[in-house]
Amino acid sequence: MRRAIQRKRKPSSSKPLPAEDLALAEQYQAAVTSRFPKGVLVKVQVRNQKGKAVLDFKGIPVNDVGMLVEVLKAQLALMSQARREQKAPVEA
């Protein structure tokens, strides 16, 4: 019985998350948490789901969901721009 319980408690993936995924998740986390007022306890958590980084957003007031969407859009635009700049050929 103990072994069955231990098997159930083992994480679904022992694969570590890629560093670039963790860095990206931290960027989202910083962008979202910095945008909400101090009194609003918003949490952005990263978890490992079968080797993939998954973000969980918690504590978003219903009236502030639009703000969450705007923050995520702005963060996506910044990341997209950074990727374009990395791929752009360097002129000498």
N, C-alpha and C. Protein backbone atom coordinates (compact mmCIF):
# COMPACT_ATOMS: atom_id res chain seq x y z
N MET A 1 0.83 -1.19 0.00
CA MET A 1 0.00 0.00 0.00
C MET A 1 0.88 1.27 0.00
N ARG A 2 1.95 1.27 0.80
CA ARG A 2 2.84 2.43 0.85
C ARG A 2 3.48 2.68 -0.50
N ARG A 3 3.91 1.63 -1.17
CA ARG A 3 4.54 1.80 -2.49
C ARG A 3 3.55 2.39 -3.49
N ALA A 4 2.32 1.96 -3.43
CA ALA A 4 1.31 2.51 -4.34
C ALA A 4 1.12 4.00 -4.09
N ILE A 5 1.10 4.39 -2.83
CA ILE A 5 0.95 5.80 -2.50
C ILE A 5 2.17 6.59 -2.96
N GLN A 6 3.37 6.03 -2.77
CA GLN A 6 4.59 6.71 -3.21
C GLN A 6 4.59 6.91 -4.72
N ARG A 7 4.16 5.91 -5.47
CA ARG A 7 4.10 6.04 -6.93
C ARG A 7 3.13 7.13 -7.34
N LYS A 8 2.03 7.24 -6.63
CA LYS A 8 1.05 8.27 -6.93
C LYS A 8 1.60 9.66 -6.65
N ARG A 9 2.45 9.79 -5.64
CA ARG A 9 2.99 11.08 -5.24
C ARG A 9 4.14 11.55 -6.11
N LYS A 10 4.74 10.66 -6.86
CA LYS A 10 5.87 11.05 -7.71
C LYS A 10 5.38 12.04 -8.76
N PRO A 11 6.20 13.03 -9.09
CA PRO A 11 5.78 13.98 -10.13
C PRO A 11 5.61 13.27 -11.47
N SER A 12 4.73 13.82 -12.30
CA SER A 12 4.47 13.19 -13.59
C SER A 12 5.66 13.28 -14.52
N SER A 13 6.58 14.20 -14.23
CA SER A 13 7.77 14.34 -15.07
C SER A 13 8.95 14.72 -14.20
N SER A 14 10.02 14.00 -14.38
CA SER A 14 11.23 14.36 -13.66
C SER A 14 12.16 15.16 -14.57
N LYS A 15 11.69 15.40 -15.78
CA LYS A 15 12.45 16.19 -16.74
C LYS A 15 12.54 17.63 -16.26
N PRO A 16 13.73 18.17 -16.14
CA PRO A 16 13.82 19.57 -15.73
C PRO A 16 13.33 20.49 -16.85
N LEU A 17 12.85 21.64 -16.45
CA LEU A 17 12.37 22.60 -17.44
C LEU A 17 13.57 23.29 -18.09
N PRO A 18 13.47 23.56 -19.39
CA PRO A 18 14.55 24.28 -20.07
C PRO A 18 14.74 25.68 -19.48
N ALA A 19 15.99 26.12 -19.42
CA ALA A 19 16.32 27.43 -18.84
C ALA A 19 15.60 28.56 -19.57
N GLU A 20 15.47 28.45 -20.91
CA GLU A 20 14.80 29.52 -21.65
C GLU A 20 13.32 29.60 -21.31
N ASP A 21 12.69 28.46 -21.02
CA ASP A 21 11.28 28.47 -20.61
C ASP A 21 11.13 29.12 -19.24
N LEU A 22 12.05 28.81 -18.34
CA LEU A 22 12.00 29.41 -17.01
C LEU A 22 12.23 30.92 -17.08
N ALA A 23 13.15 31.35 -17.92
CA ALA A 23 13.42 32.78 -18.08
C ALA A 23 12.19 33.49 -18.64
N LEU A 24 11.56 32.88 -19.62
CA LEU A 24 10.34 33.45 -20.22
C LEU A 24 9.23 33.54 -19.18
N ALA A 25 9.07 32.49 -18.40
CA ALA A 25 8.05 32.49 -17.35
C ALA A 25 8.32 33.59 -16.33
N GLU A 26 9.58 33.81 -15.98
CA GLU A 26 9.93 34.87 -15.04
C GLU A 26 9.59 36.24 -15.61
N GLN A 27 9.77 36.41 -16.91
CA GLN A 27 9.43 37.69 -17.55
C GLN A 27 7.92 37.95 -17.46
N TYR A 28 7.13 36.92 -17.75
CA TYR A 28 5.67 37.05 -17.62
C TYR A 28 5.29 37.36 -16.17
N GLN A 29 5.92 36.63 -15.26
CA GLN A 29 5.63 36.80 -13.84
C GLN A 29 5.91 38.23 -13.39
N ALA A 30 7.07 38.75 -13.77
CA ALA A 30 7.43 40.12 -13.38
C ALA A 30 6.49 41.14 -14.01
N ALA A 31 6.16 40.94 -15.28
CA ALA A 31 5.28 41.89 -15.98
C ALA A 31 3.90 41.94 -15.34
N VAL A 32 3.35 40.79 -15.03
CA VAL A 32 1.99 40.73 -14.47
C VAL A 32 1.97 41.26 -13.04
N THR A 33 2.87 40.78 -12.21
CA THR A 33 2.81 41.18 -10.80
C THR A 33 3.15 42.65 -10.59
N SER A 34 3.97 43.22 -11.45
CA SER A 34 4.32 44.64 -11.29
C SER A 34 3.20 45.57 -11.72
N ARG A 35 2.28 45.10 -12.51
CA ARG A 35 1.21 45.94 -13.06
C ARG A 35 0.03 46.11 -12.11
N PHE A 36 -0.18 45.12 -11.23
CA PHE A 36 -1.33 45.19 -10.33
C PHE A 36 -0.97 45.97 -9.06
N PRO A 37 -1.95 46.67 -8.47
CA PRO A 37 -1.68 47.44 -7.25
C PRO A 37 -1.21 46.53 -6.11
N LYS A 38 -0.53 47.13 -5.14
CA LYS A 38 0.05 46.38 -4.02
C LYS A 38 -0.99 45.58 -3.25
N GLY A 39 -2.18 46.07 -3.09
CA GLY A 39 -3.21 45.39 -2.31
C GLY A 39 -3.80 44.15 -2.98
N VAL A 40 -3.61 44.03 -4.28
CA VAL A 40 -4.17 42.89 -5.02
C VAL A 40 -3.11 41.79 -5.02
N LEU A 41 -3.46 40.66 -4.42
CA LEU A 41 -2.50 39.55 -4.30
C LEU A 41 -2.59 38.63 -5.52
N VAL A 42 -1.94 39.05 -6.58
CA VAL A 42 -1.92 38.28 -7.82
C VAL A 42 -0.70 37.37 -7.79
N LYS A 43 -0.91 36.12 -8.17
CA LYS A 43 0.20 35.16 -8.21
C LYS A 43 0.32 34.58 -9.61
N VAL A 44 1.55 34.47 -10.07
CA VAL A 44 1.84 33.80 -11.32
C VAL A 44 2.83 32.70 -10.96
N GLN A 45 2.39 31.47 -11.12
CA GLN A 45 3.24 30.33 -10.74
C GLN A 45 3.60 29.51 -11.96
N VAL A 46 4.81 28.99 -11.94
CA VAL A 46 5.30 28.13 -13.01
C VAL A 46 5.33 26.71 -12.47
N ARG A 47 4.82 25.78 -13.25
CA ARG A 47 4.89 24.38 -12.83
C ARG A 47 5.32 23.52 -14.00
N ASN A 48 5.80 22.36 -13.67
CA ASN A 48 6.29 21.41 -14.65
C ASN A 48 5.18 20.40 -14.95
N GLN A 49 4.71 20.40 -16.17
CA GLN A 49 3.68 19.45 -16.57
C GLN A 49 4.24 18.61 -17.72
N LYS A 50 4.72 17.44 -17.35
CA LYS A 50 5.30 16.51 -18.32
C LYS A 50 6.43 17.15 -19.13
N GLY A 51 7.28 17.90 -18.44
CA GLY A 51 8.43 18.50 -19.09
C GLY A 51 8.17 19.83 -19.77
N LYS A 52 6.96 20.35 -19.66
CA LYS A 52 6.63 21.65 -20.25
C LYS A 52 6.32 22.64 -19.14
N ALA A 53 6.78 23.86 -19.32
CA ALA A 53 6.49 24.92 -18.35
C ALA A 53 5.06 25.39 -18.56
N VAL A 54 4.31 25.43 -17.47
CA VAL A 54 2.91 25.86 -17.51
C VAL A 54 2.75 26.99 -16.51
N LEU A 55 2.09 28.07 -16.92
CA LEU A 55 1.84 29.21 -16.04
C LEU A 55 0.43 29.13 -15.48
N ASP A 56 0.32 29.40 -14.18
CA ASP A 56 -0.97 29.49 -13.51
C ASP A 56 -1.12 30.91 -12.99
N PHE A 57 -2.22 31.56 -13.34
CA PHE A 57 -2.52 32.90 -12.86
C PHE A 57 -3.59 32.78 -11.79
N LYS A 58 -3.31 33.34 -10.61
CA LYS A 58 -4.27 33.24 -9.49
C LYS A 58 -4.47 34.61 -8.87
N GLY A 59 -5.67 34.80 -8.34
CA GLY A 59 -5.97 36.01 -7.60
C GLY A 59 -6.28 37.21 -8.47
N ILE A 60 -6.64 37.00 -9.73
CA ILE A 60 -6.96 38.12 -10.62
C ILE A 60 -8.42 38.51 -10.37
N PRO A 61 -8.66 39.74 -9.89
CA PRO A 61 -10.05 40.17 -9.72
C PRO A 61 -10.77 40.21 -11.08
N VAL A 62 -12.02 39.86 -11.09
CA VAL A 62 -12.79 39.80 -12.33
C VAL A 62 -12.74 41.14 -13.07
N ASN A 63 -12.81 42.22 -12.33
CA ASN A 63 -12.78 43.54 -12.97
C ASN A 63 -11.43 43.87 -13.58
N ASP A 64 -10.37 43.12 -13.22
CA ASP A 64 -9.03 43.40 -13.71
C ASP A 64 -8.54 42.39 -14.76
N VAL A 65 -9.42 41.55 -15.25
CA VAL A 65 -9.01 40.58 -16.28
C VAL A 65 -8.54 41.31 -17.54
N GLY A 66 -9.18 42.40 -17.86
CA GLY A 66 -8.76 43.20 -19.01
C GLY A 66 -7.33 43.69 -18.86
N MET A 67 -6.96 44.07 -17.63
CA MET A 67 -5.59 44.52 -17.37
C MET A 67 -4.61 43.36 -17.59
N LEU A 68 -4.99 42.16 -17.15
CA LEU A 68 -4.14 40.98 -17.38
C LEU A 68 -3.92 40.76 -18.87
N VAL A 69 -4.99 40.86 -19.64
CA VAL A 69 -4.88 40.67 -21.08
C VAL A 69 -3.96 41.71 -21.70
N GLU A 70 -4.10 42.96 -21.28
CA GLU A 70 -3.25 44.04 -21.81
C GLU A 70 -1.78 43.81 -21.46
N VAL A 71 -1.52 43.38 -20.23
CA VAL A 71 -0.14 43.11 -19.81
C VAL A 71 0.46 41.99 -20.66
N LEU A 72 -0.31 40.93 -20.87
CA LEU A 72 0.19 39.80 -21.66
C LEU A 72 0.41 40.20 -23.12
N LYS A 73 -0.48 41.01 -23.67
CA LYS A 73 -0.29 41.50 -25.05
C LYS A 73 0.98 42.32 -25.16
N ALA A 74 1.19 43.22 -24.19
CA ALA A 74 2.38 44.07 -24.22
C ALA A 74 3.64 43.23 -24.09
N GLN A 75 3.61 42.22 -23.24
CA GLN A 75 4.78 41.36 -23.05
C GLN A 75 5.06 40.56 -24.32
N LEU A 76 4.02 40.07 -24.97
CA LEU A 76 4.19 39.34 -26.23
C LEU A 76 4.80 40.24 -27.30
N ALA A 77 4.34 41.49 -27.36
CA ALA A 77 4.88 42.43 -28.34
C ALA A 77 6.36 42.68 -28.08
N LEU A 78 6.74 42.85 -26.82
CA LEU A 78 8.15 43.06 -26.48
C LEU A 78 9.00 41.86 -26.87
N MET A 79 8.51 40.68 -26.59
CA MET A 79 9.27 39.47 -26.91
C MET A 79 9.37 39.26 -28.42
N SER A 80 8.31 39.58 -29.13
CA SER A 80 8.31 39.45 -30.58
C SER A 80 9.32 40.42 -31.19
N GLN A 81 9.35 41.63 -30.68
CA GLN A 81 10.30 42.64 -31.17
C GLN A 81 11.74 42.20 -30.88
N ALA A 82 11.97 41.65 -29.70
CA ALA A 82 13.32 41.19 -29.34
C ALA A 82 13.77 40.06 -30.26
N ARG A 83 12.85 39.17 -30.61
CA ARG A 83 13.20 38.08 -31.54
C ARG A 83 13.55 38.61 -32.92
N ARG A 84 12.77 39.60 -33.39
CA ARG A 84 13.05 40.19 -34.71
C ARG A 84 14.42 40.86 -34.72
N GLU A 85 14.75 41.55 -33.64
CA GLU A 85 16.04 42.21 -33.56
C GLU A 85 17.18 41.22 -33.53
N GLN A 86 16.97 40.07 -32.90
CA GLN A 86 18.01 39.03 -32.85
C GLN A 86 18.24 38.41 -34.23
N LYS A 87 17.16 38.29 -35.01
CA LYS A 87 17.26 37.66 -36.32
C LYS A 87 17.70 38.62 -37.40
N ALA A 88 17.58 39.91 -37.17
CA ALA A 88 17.93 40.91 -38.17
C ALA A 88 19.44 40.83 -38.47
N PRO A 89 19.80 40.92 -39.74
CA PRO A 89 21.24 40.88 -40.08
C PRO A 89 21.93 42.13 -39.57
N VAL A 90 23.14 41.95 -39.11
CA VAL A 90 23.95 43.06 -38.60
C VAL A 90 24.65 43.73 -39.78
N GLU A 91 24.45 45.03 -39.90
CA GLU A 91 25.08 45.78 -41.00
C GLU A 91 26.46 46.27 -40.57
N ALA A 92 27.43 46.14 -41.44
CA ALA A 92 28.78 46.57 -41.08
C ALA A 92 29.10 47.94 -41.63
